Amino acid sequence: CTLDSEVALRVGGDFFFDPQPGDSPVNLVLIAGGVGINPLFSILLHIADLHGYQEGKGNRHKLGTAKLYYSAKNTSELLFKKNILGLMKAFPGKITCCFHVTQQHSQICKELKPHITGK
């Protein structure tokens, strides 16, 4: 988003991301904390599937980017972190993530360090 961009936010409840062929591409910003990552991780997997299908077979889906902001107490509580890093590596620039930890007391591993903010 840029300054003065219009955004839509939805908190809780039933939600999903199901773009149809021919829909205009949208850029997603997904925000999760702790176990709240579960439905958003499913959305990321769906986006990755569509990107993979698009690259492999030239489907008609027009996809934007997906950026995940995910916070937890420490890196051990970041669920699916290795899977998320794998998606970022498989689809560079299309799927990105910023992890945030609030109470990290131990060293952060080299693989996560570039994507971590917080203590």
N, C-alpha and C. Protein backbone atom coordinates (compact mmCIF):
# COMPACT_ATOMS: atom_id res chain seq x y z
N CYS A 1 0.84 -1.19 0.00
CA CYS A 1 0.00 0.00 0.00
C CYS A 1 0.88 1.24 0.00
N THR A 2 0.37 2.26 -0.53
CA THR A 2 1.05 3.55 -0.50
C THR A 2 0.18 4.52 0.27
N LEU A 3 0.74 5.65 0.61
CA LEU A 3 0.01 6.69 1.32
C LEU A 3 -1.26 7.03 0.56
N ASP A 4 -2.37 7.09 1.26
CA ASP A 4 -3.69 7.40 0.72
C ASP A 4 -4.30 6.26 -0.09
N SER A 5 -3.71 5.05 -0.03
CA SER A 5 -4.33 3.90 -0.69
C SER A 5 -5.58 3.50 0.07
N GLU A 6 -6.54 2.96 -0.66
CA GLU A 6 -7.73 2.43 -0.03
C GLU A 6 -7.50 0.95 0.24
N VAL A 7 -7.78 0.53 1.45
CA VAL A 7 -7.60 -0.88 1.82
C VAL A 7 -8.88 -1.38 2.48
N ALA A 8 -9.08 -2.67 2.40
CA ALA A 8 -10.20 -3.30 3.09
C ALA A 8 -9.61 -4.24 4.14
N LEU A 9 -10.13 -4.19 5.36
CA LEU A 9 -9.67 -5.05 6.44
C LEU A 9 -10.82 -5.91 6.91
N ARG A 10 -10.47 -7.13 7.27
CA ARG A 10 -11.46 -8.03 7.83
C ARG A 10 -10.81 -8.75 8.99
N VAL A 11 -11.46 -8.74 10.12
CA VAL A 11 -10.92 -9.37 11.31
C VAL A 11 -11.88 -10.47 11.74
N GLY A 12 -11.33 -11.67 11.91
CA GLY A 12 -12.12 -12.79 12.40
C GLY A 12 -13.19 -13.26 11.42
N GLY A 13 -13.95 -14.23 11.85
CA GLY A 13 -15.04 -14.74 11.04
C GLY A 13 -14.58 -15.66 9.93
N ASP A 14 -15.51 -15.96 9.04
CA ASP A 14 -15.22 -16.81 7.89
C ASP A 14 -14.67 -15.94 6.76
N PHE A 15 -13.52 -16.32 6.23
CA PHE A 15 -12.97 -15.58 5.12
C PHE A 15 -12.16 -16.52 4.25
N PHE A 16 -11.98 -16.11 3.00
CA PHE A 16 -11.29 -16.94 2.02
C PHE A 16 -10.78 -16.07 0.89
N PHE A 17 -9.91 -16.63 0.08
CA PHE A 17 -9.42 -15.95 -1.12
C PHE A 17 -9.62 -16.91 -2.28
N ASP A 18 -10.52 -16.57 -3.17
CA ASP A 18 -10.85 -17.45 -4.28
C ASP A 18 -10.97 -16.64 -5.57
N PRO A 19 -9.82 -16.19 -6.11
CA PRO A 19 -9.90 -15.41 -7.35
C PRO A 19 -10.37 -16.28 -8.51
N GLN A 20 -11.13 -15.68 -9.39
CA GLN A 20 -11.64 -16.39 -10.55
C GLN A 20 -10.85 -15.98 -11.80
N PRO A 21 -10.76 -16.86 -12.78
CA PRO A 21 -10.10 -16.46 -14.03
C PRO A 21 -10.77 -15.21 -14.59
N GLY A 22 -9.97 -14.29 -15.01
CA GLY A 22 -10.50 -13.05 -15.55
C GLY A 22 -10.66 -11.93 -14.53
N ASP A 23 -10.61 -12.24 -13.21
CA ASP A 23 -10.66 -11.19 -12.19
C ASP A 23 -9.41 -10.33 -12.30
N SER A 24 -9.53 -9.06 -11.94
CA SER A 24 -8.36 -8.19 -11.89
C SER A 24 -7.44 -8.67 -10.78
N PRO A 25 -6.12 -8.57 -10.99
CA PRO A 25 -5.20 -9.00 -9.93
C PRO A 25 -5.31 -8.09 -8.71
N VAL A 26 -5.15 -8.69 -7.54
CA VAL A 26 -5.14 -7.92 -6.30
C VAL A 26 -3.87 -8.26 -5.55
N ASN A 27 -3.36 -7.29 -4.82
CA ASN A 27 -2.23 -7.50 -3.93
C ASN A 27 -2.78 -7.70 -2.53
N LEU A 28 -2.39 -8.80 -1.89
CA LEU A 28 -2.89 -9.13 -0.56
C LEU A 28 -1.87 -8.77 0.51
N VAL A 29 -2.34 -8.23 1.61
CA VAL A 29 -1.54 -8.05 2.81
C VAL A 29 -2.24 -8.89 3.88
N LEU A 30 -1.57 -9.91 4.36
CA LEU A 30 -2.11 -10.82 5.36
C LEU A 30 -1.40 -10.57 6.68
N ILE A 31 -2.17 -10.42 7.75
CA ILE A 31 -1.60 -10.11 9.07
C ILE A 31 -2.07 -11.18 10.05
N ALA A 32 -1.08 -11.84 10.70
CA ALA A 32 -1.41 -12.93 11.61
C ALA A 32 -0.59 -12.84 12.88
N GLY A 33 -1.14 -13.35 13.95
CA GLY A 33 -0.43 -13.47 15.21
C GLY A 33 -0.66 -14.86 15.78
N GLY A 34 0.42 -15.50 16.19
CA GLY A 34 0.33 -16.82 16.82
C GLY A 34 -0.37 -17.84 15.94
N VAL A 35 -1.33 -18.58 16.54
CA VAL A 35 -2.03 -19.62 15.80
C VAL A 35 -3.02 -19.05 14.78
N GLY A 36 -3.20 -17.74 14.77
CA GLY A 36 -4.04 -17.10 13.76
C GLY A 36 -3.49 -17.25 12.36
N ILE A 37 -2.30 -17.83 12.24
CA ILE A 37 -1.69 -18.06 10.94
C ILE A 37 -2.41 -19.16 10.16
N ASN A 38 -3.12 -20.05 10.83
CA ASN A 38 -3.69 -21.22 10.17
C ASN A 38 -4.50 -20.90 8.92
N PRO A 39 -5.54 -20.08 8.96
CA PRO A 39 -6.29 -19.82 7.73
C PRO A 39 -5.47 -19.03 6.71
N LEU A 40 -4.58 -18.18 7.18
CA LEU A 40 -3.77 -17.38 6.25
C LEU A 40 -2.72 -18.24 5.56
N PHE A 41 -2.21 -19.25 6.25
CA PHE A 41 -1.27 -20.17 5.62
C PHE A 41 -1.97 -20.94 4.50
N SER A 42 -3.22 -21.31 4.72
CA SER A 42 -3.99 -21.96 3.66
C SER A 42 -4.15 -21.06 2.45
N ILE A 43 -4.38 -19.78 2.69
CA ILE A 43 -4.48 -18.82 1.58
C ILE A 43 -3.15 -18.74 0.85
N LEU A 44 -2.03 -18.69 1.59
CA LEU A 44 -0.71 -18.65 0.94
C LEU A 44 -0.48 -19.89 0.08
N LEU A 45 -0.88 -21.06 0.58
CA LEU A 45 -0.72 -22.28 -0.20
C LEU A 45 -1.56 -22.23 -1.48
N HIS A 46 -2.76 -21.69 -1.37
CA HIS A 46 -3.62 -21.56 -2.55
C HIS A 46 -2.99 -20.61 -3.57
N ILE A 47 -2.45 -19.50 -3.10
CA ILE A 47 -1.77 -18.54 -3.99
C ILE A 47 -0.58 -19.22 -4.66
N ALA A 48 0.19 -19.97 -3.90
CA ALA A 48 1.35 -20.68 -4.47
C ALA A 48 0.89 -21.68 -5.53
N ASP A 49 -0.19 -22.40 -5.25
CA ASP A 49 -0.73 -23.33 -6.24
C ASP A 49 -1.11 -22.60 -7.53
N LEU A 50 -1.78 -21.47 -7.38
CA LEU A 50 -2.18 -20.71 -8.57
C LEU A 50 -0.98 -20.16 -9.32
N HIS A 51 0.03 -19.69 -8.60
CA HIS A 51 1.26 -19.22 -9.25
C HIS A 51 1.95 -20.36 -9.99
N GLY A 52 2.04 -21.51 -9.34
CA GLY A 52 2.67 -22.67 -9.96
C GLY A 52 1.91 -23.12 -11.19
N TYR A 53 0.60 -23.13 -11.09
CA TYR A 53 -0.23 -23.53 -12.23
C TYR A 53 -0.09 -22.51 -13.36
N GLN A 54 -0.06 -21.24 -12.98
CA GLN A 54 0.08 -20.16 -13.98
C GLN A 54 1.39 -20.29 -14.73
N GLU A 55 2.47 -20.55 -14.00
CA GLU A 55 3.78 -20.67 -14.65
C GLU A 55 3.87 -21.94 -15.49
N GLY A 56 3.24 -23.01 -15.03
CA GLY A 56 3.36 -24.28 -15.72
C GLY A 56 2.43 -24.43 -16.92
N LYS A 57 1.23 -23.89 -16.82
CA LYS A 57 0.25 -24.15 -17.86
C LYS A 57 -0.38 -22.91 -18.45
N GLY A 58 -0.01 -21.75 -17.98
CA GLY A 58 -0.56 -20.52 -18.53
C GLY A 58 -2.05 -20.36 -18.28
N ASN A 59 -2.50 -20.52 -17.03
CA ASN A 59 -3.93 -20.35 -16.77
C ASN A 59 -4.33 -18.89 -16.89
N ARG A 60 -5.60 -18.63 -16.75
CA ARG A 60 -6.12 -17.28 -16.96
C ARG A 60 -6.18 -16.46 -15.68
N HIS A 61 -5.71 -17.00 -14.55
CA HIS A 61 -5.71 -16.22 -13.31
C HIS A 61 -4.64 -15.12 -13.42
N LYS A 62 -5.03 -13.93 -13.05
CA LYS A 62 -4.08 -12.82 -12.97
C LYS A 62 -3.85 -12.57 -11.49
N LEU A 63 -2.64 -12.87 -11.03
CA LEU A 63 -2.36 -12.77 -9.61
C LEU A 63 -1.46 -11.60 -9.29
N GLY A 64 -1.75 -10.95 -8.18
CA GLY A 64 -0.88 -9.91 -7.67
C GLY A 64 0.12 -10.53 -6.71
N THR A 65 0.56 -9.75 -5.76
CA THR A 65 1.52 -10.22 -4.77
C THR A 65 0.81 -10.52 -3.45
N ALA A 66 1.46 -11.30 -2.61
CA ALA A 66 0.96 -11.57 -1.27
C ALA A 66 2.07 -11.29 -0.28
N LYS A 67 1.79 -10.45 0.70
CA LYS A 67 2.77 -10.13 1.74
C LYS A 67 2.16 -10.50 3.08
N LEU A 68 2.87 -11.35 3.81
CA LEU A 68 2.43 -11.82 5.12
C LEU A 68 3.22 -11.11 6.21
N TYR A 69 2.52 -10.57 7.18
CA TYR A 69 3.12 -10.05 8.40
C TYR A 69 2.67 -10.99 9.52
N TYR A 70 3.64 -11.63 10.17
CA TYR A 70 3.32 -12.68 11.13
C TYR A 70 4.11 -12.46 12.41
N SER A 71 3.40 -12.37 13.53
CA SER A 71 4.02 -12.08 14.82
C SER A 71 3.78 -13.23 15.81
N ALA A 72 4.79 -13.47 16.64
CA ALA A 72 4.68 -14.45 17.72
C ALA A 72 5.63 -14.02 18.84
N LYS A 73 5.53 -14.71 19.95
CA LYS A 73 6.39 -14.39 21.09
C LYS A 73 7.86 -14.62 20.77
N ASN A 74 8.16 -15.74 20.10
CA ASN A 74 9.54 -16.03 19.72
C ASN A 74 9.52 -16.90 18.47
N THR A 75 10.68 -17.15 17.90
CA THR A 75 10.74 -17.87 16.63
C THR A 75 10.25 -19.31 16.74
N SER A 76 10.35 -19.90 17.92
CA SER A 76 9.85 -21.28 18.05
C SER A 76 8.32 -21.33 17.97
N GLU A 77 7.65 -20.21 18.19
CA GLU A 77 6.19 -20.16 18.10
C GLU A 77 5.70 -19.69 16.73
N LEU A 78 6.61 -19.44 15.80
CA LEU A 78 6.20 -19.08 14.44
C LEU A 78 5.88 -20.39 13.69
N LEU A 79 4.61 -20.71 13.61
CA LEU A 79 4.19 -21.94 12.94
C LEU A 79 4.43 -21.84 11.44
N PHE A 80 4.75 -22.94 10.82
CA PHE A 80 4.93 -23.04 9.36
C PHE A 80 6.07 -22.17 8.82
N LYS A 81 6.98 -21.72 9.69
CA LYS A 81 8.02 -20.79 9.22
C LYS A 81 8.88 -21.37 8.10
N LYS A 82 9.24 -22.63 8.18
CA LYS A 82 10.05 -23.23 7.11
C LYS A 82 9.26 -23.35 5.82
N ASN A 83 7.97 -23.66 5.94
CA ASN A 83 7.11 -23.73 4.76
C ASN A 83 6.96 -22.35 4.11
N ILE A 84 6.80 -21.34 4.94
CA ILE A 84 6.65 -19.97 4.43
C ILE A 84 7.93 -19.53 3.74
N LEU A 85 9.08 -19.81 4.34
CA LEU A 85 10.36 -19.49 3.69
C LEU A 85 10.48 -20.21 2.36
N GLY A 86 10.01 -21.45 2.30
CA GLY A 86 10.05 -22.21 1.05
C GLY A 86 9.17 -21.57 -0.03
N LEU A 87 8.00 -21.07 0.35
CA LEU A 87 7.12 -20.40 -0.60
C LEU A 87 7.77 -19.11 -1.12
N MET A 88 8.42 -18.39 -0.20
CA MET A 88 9.10 -17.15 -0.61
C MET A 88 10.21 -17.46 -1.60
N LYS A 89 10.93 -18.54 -1.37
CA LYS A 89 12.03 -18.93 -2.25
C LYS A 89 11.50 -19.41 -3.61
N ALA A 90 10.39 -20.14 -3.59
CA ALA A 90 9.82 -20.68 -4.83
C ALA A 90 9.19 -19.59 -5.69
N PHE A 91 8.66 -18.54 -5.04
CA PHE A 91 7.97 -17.48 -5.77
C PHE A 91 8.50 -16.11 -5.34
N PRO A 92 9.77 -15.83 -5.64
CA PRO A 92 10.39 -14.57 -5.20
C PRO A 92 9.65 -13.36 -5.77
N GLY A 93 9.42 -12.41 -4.89
CA GLY A 93 8.73 -11.18 -5.28
C GLY A 93 7.22 -11.33 -5.37
N LYS A 94 6.73 -12.54 -5.40
CA LYS A 94 5.28 -12.78 -5.47
C LYS A 94 4.71 -13.08 -4.09
N ILE A 95 5.48 -13.82 -3.29
CA ILE A 95 5.09 -14.12 -1.90
C ILE A 95 6.24 -13.68 -1.01
N THR A 96 5.95 -12.76 -0.08
CA THR A 96 6.97 -12.28 0.85
C THR A 96 6.41 -12.32 2.27
N CYS A 97 7.31 -12.28 3.24
CA CYS A 97 6.89 -12.35 4.63
C CYS A 97 7.84 -11.56 5.51
N CYS A 98 7.26 -10.90 6.49
CA CYS A 98 8.02 -10.27 7.57
C CYS A 98 7.54 -10.90 8.87
N PHE A 99 8.46 -11.56 9.56
CA PHE A 99 8.15 -12.13 10.87
C PHE A 99 8.49 -11.09 11.94
N HIS A 100 7.73 -11.09 13.02
CA HIS A 100 8.01 -10.19 14.14
C HIS A 100 7.93 -11.00 15.43
N VAL A 101 8.95 -10.89 16.25
CA VAL A 101 8.94 -11.56 17.54
C VAL A 101 8.98 -10.52 18.65
N THR A 102 8.27 -10.80 19.74
CA THR A 102 8.14 -9.82 20.81
C THR A 102 8.98 -10.14 22.05
N GLN A 103 9.34 -11.42 22.25
CA GLN A 103 10.05 -11.80 23.47
C GLN A 103 11.16 -12.80 23.19
N GLN A 104 11.89 -12.60 22.11
CA GLN A 104 12.97 -13.52 21.75
C GLN A 104 14.17 -13.26 22.65
N HIS A 105 14.65 -14.30 23.33
CA HIS A 105 15.82 -14.16 24.19
C HIS A 105 17.04 -14.90 23.65
N SER A 106 16.81 -15.84 22.76
CA SER A 106 17.92 -16.61 22.20
C SER A 106 18.29 -16.08 20.81
N GLN A 107 19.39 -16.58 20.30
CA GLN A 107 19.89 -16.20 18.98
C GLN A 107 18.88 -16.61 17.90
N ILE A 108 18.70 -15.77 16.91
CA ILE A 108 17.81 -16.08 15.78
C ILE A 108 18.64 -16.75 14.70
N CYS A 109 18.13 -17.85 14.16
CA CYS A 109 18.88 -18.61 13.16
C CYS A 109 19.12 -17.77 11.90
N LYS A 110 20.19 -18.09 11.22
CA LYS A 110 20.63 -17.34 10.04
C LYS A 110 19.57 -17.29 8.94
N GLU A 111 18.84 -18.39 8.77
CA GLU A 111 17.83 -18.47 7.72
C GLU A 111 16.67 -17.49 7.95
N LEU A 112 16.28 -17.30 9.22
CA LEU A 112 15.18 -16.40 9.55
C LEU A 112 15.59 -14.95 9.72
N LYS A 113 16.83 -14.73 10.12
CA LYS A 113 17.28 -13.40 10.53
C LYS A 113 16.92 -12.27 9.54
N PRO A 114 17.08 -12.47 8.22
CA PRO A 114 16.74 -11.35 7.31
C PRO A 114 15.25 -10.99 7.30
N HIS A 115 14.42 -11.87 7.82
CA HIS A 115 12.97 -11.66 7.75
C HIS A 115 12.35 -11.32 9.09
N ILE A 116 13.19 -11.15 10.15
CA ILE A 116 12.71 -10.95 11.52
C ILE A 116 12.88 -9.49 11.95
N THR A 117 11.84 -8.98 12.61
CA THR A 117 11.95 -7.71 13.31
C THR A 117 11.56 -7.97 14.76
N GLY A 118 11.86 -7.05 15.63
CA GLY A 118 11.49 -7.19 17.04
C GLY A 118 12.68 -7.47 17.89
N LYS A 119 12.42 -7.98 19.10
CA LYS A 119 13.48 -8.21 20.08
C LYS A 119 14.19 -9.50 19.84
